[in-house]
Amino acid sequence: MIVINRVQAFRKQQKMTQEELANQVDVSRKTIVSLEKGNYTPSLLLALQIAEVLETDIHTIFQLGKE
């Protein structure tokens, strides 16, 4: 199983930069870049924080998928 995320789409919809999102959830911009590229699976806490900042439900941004 893999985690599919739509962070980039929701971030852009909010007209937010990677740096702005990173600052709001207290991680580096590199973490957001890795997350958006699918190279990093966030902790539950980080996923919840991202969903809150992007003003949507966690299930809308993060979904389980098959490889």
C-alpha atoms as a PDB file:
ATOM      1  CA  MET A   1       0.000   0.000   0.000  1.00  0.00           C
ATOM      2  CA  ILE A   2       1.096   3.545  -0.694  1.00  0.00           C
ATOM      3  CA  VAL A   3      -0.163   6.903   0.493  1.00  0.00           C
ATOM      4  CA  ILE A   4      -1.502   9.080  -2.298  1.00  0.00           C
ATOM      5  CA  ASN A   5      -1.547  12.745  -1.456  1.00  0.00           C
ATOM      6  CA  ARG A   6      -3.023  15.821  -3.060  1.00  0.00           C
ATOM      7  CA  VAL A   7      -1.101  18.347  -0.981  1.00  0.00           C
ATOM      8  CA  GLN A   8       0.237  20.250  -3.981  1.00  0.00           C
ATOM      9  CA  ALA A   9      -3.203  20.660  -5.560  1.00  0.00           C
ATOM     10  CA  PHE A  10      -4.779  21.929  -2.341  1.00  0.00           C
ATOM     11  CA  ARG A  11      -1.797  24.159  -1.547  1.00  0.00           C
ATOM     12  CA  LYS A  12      -2.013  25.793  -4.956  1.00  0.00           C
ATOM     13  CA  GLN A  13      -5.782  26.147  -4.606  1.00  0.00           C
ATOM     14  CA  GLN A  14      -5.106  28.152  -1.429  1.00  0.00           C
ATOM     15  CA  LYS A  15      -2.496  30.206  -3.355  1.00  0.00           C
ATOM     16  CA  MET A  16       0.119  29.151  -0.827  1.00  0.00           C
ATOM     17  CA  THR A  17       3.817  28.565  -1.468  1.00  0.00           C
ATOM     18  CA  GLN A  18       5.684  25.512  -0.252  1.00  0.00           C
ATOM     19  CA  GLU A  19       7.580  27.777   2.127  1.00  0.00           C
ATOM     20  CA  GLU A  20       4.373  29.213   3.594  1.00  0.00           C
ATOM     21  CA  LEU A  21       2.895  25.758   4.173  1.00  0.00           C
ATOM     22  CA  ALA A  22       6.146  24.534   5.684  1.00  0.00           C
ATOM     23  CA  ASN A  23       6.248  27.466   8.099  1.00  0.00           C
ATOM     24  CA  GLN A  24       2.656  26.928   9.190  1.00  0.00           C
ATOM     25  CA  VAL A  25       3.196  23.247  10.001  1.00  0.00           C
ATOM     26  CA  ASP A  26       6.720  23.772  11.381  1.00  0.00           C
ATOM     27  CA  VAL A  27       8.724  21.696   8.887  1.00  0.00           C
ATOM     28  CA  SER A  28      11.298  22.569   6.234  1.00  0.00           C
ATOM     29  CA  ARG A  29      10.367  23.436   2.659  1.00  0.00           C
ATOM     30  CA  LYS A  30      12.329  20.322   1.629  1.00  0.00           C
ATOM     31  CA  THR A  31       9.886  18.214   3.629  1.00  0.00           C
ATOM     32  CA  ILE A  32       6.963  19.696   1.701  1.00  0.00           C
ATOM     33  CA  VAL A  33       8.804  19.140  -1.606  1.00  0.00           C
ATOM     34  CA  SER A  34       9.456  15.481  -0.695  1.00  0.00           C
ATOM     35  CA  LEU A  35       5.867  15.039   0.410  1.00  0.00           C
ATOM     36  CA  GLU A  36       4.466  16.497  -2.807  1.00  0.00           C
ATOM     37  CA  LYS A  37       6.757  14.290  -4.907  1.00  0.00           C
ATOM     38  CA  GLY A  38       5.581  11.205  -3.033  1.00  0.00           C
ATOM     39  CA  ASN A  39       9.002  10.545  -1.509  1.00  0.00           C
ATOM     40  CA  TYR A  40       7.860  11.113   2.081  1.00  0.00           C
ATOM     41  CA  THR A  41       4.893   9.810   4.037  1.00  0.00           C
ATOM     42  CA  PRO A  42       3.953  12.219   6.824  1.00  0.00           C
ATOM     43  CA  SER A  43       3.218  11.266  10.396  1.00  0.00           C
ATOM     44  CA  LEU A  44      -0.415  11.354  11.442  1.00  0.00           C
ATOM     45  CA  LEU A  45       0.209  14.582  13.342  1.00  0.00           C
ATOM     46  CA  LEU A  46       1.762  16.295  10.324  1.00  0.00           C
ATOM     47  CA  ALA A  47      -1.001  15.044   8.019  1.00  0.00           C
ATOM     48  CA  LEU A  48      -3.640  16.457  10.387  1.00  0.00           C
ATOM     49  CA  GLN A  49      -1.815  19.784  10.601  1.00  0.00           C
ATOM     50  CA  ILE A  50      -1.564  20.031   6.811  1.00  0.00           C
ATOM     51  CA  ALA A  51      -5.263  19.244   6.402  1.00  0.00           C
ATOM     52  CA  GLU A  52      -6.147  21.920   8.948  1.00  0.00           C
ATOM     53  CA  VAL A  53      -3.953  24.569   7.301  1.00  0.00           C
ATOM     54  CA  LEU A  54      -5.335  23.685   3.861  1.00  0.00           C
ATOM     55  CA  GLU A  55      -8.865  23.854   5.283  1.00  0.00           C
ATOM     56  CA  THR A  56     -10.001  20.403   4.247  1.00  0.00           C
ATOM     57  CA  ASP A  57     -10.496  16.915   5.619  1.00  0.00           C
ATOM     58  CA  ILE A  58      -7.490  14.643   5.988  1.00  0.00           C
ATOM     59  CA  HIS A  59      -9.208  11.942   3.897  1.00  0.00           C
ATOM     60  CA  THR A  60      -9.544  14.386   1.023  1.00  0.00           C
ATOM     61  CA  ILE A  61      -5.800  15.037   0.882  1.00  0.00           C
ATOM     62  CA  PHE A  62      -4.375  11.657   1.882  1.00  0.00           C
ATOM     63  CA  GLN A  63      -5.656   8.323   0.581  1.00  0.00           C
ATOM     64  CA  LEU A  64      -4.415   4.747   0.555  1.00  0.00           C
ATOM     65  CA  GLY A  65      -3.584   3.326  -2.846  1.00  0.00           C
ATOM     66  CA  LYS A  66      -2.167   0.162  -4.322  1.00  0.00           C
ATOM     67  CA  GLU A  67       1.292   0.104  -5.857  1.00  0.00           C
END
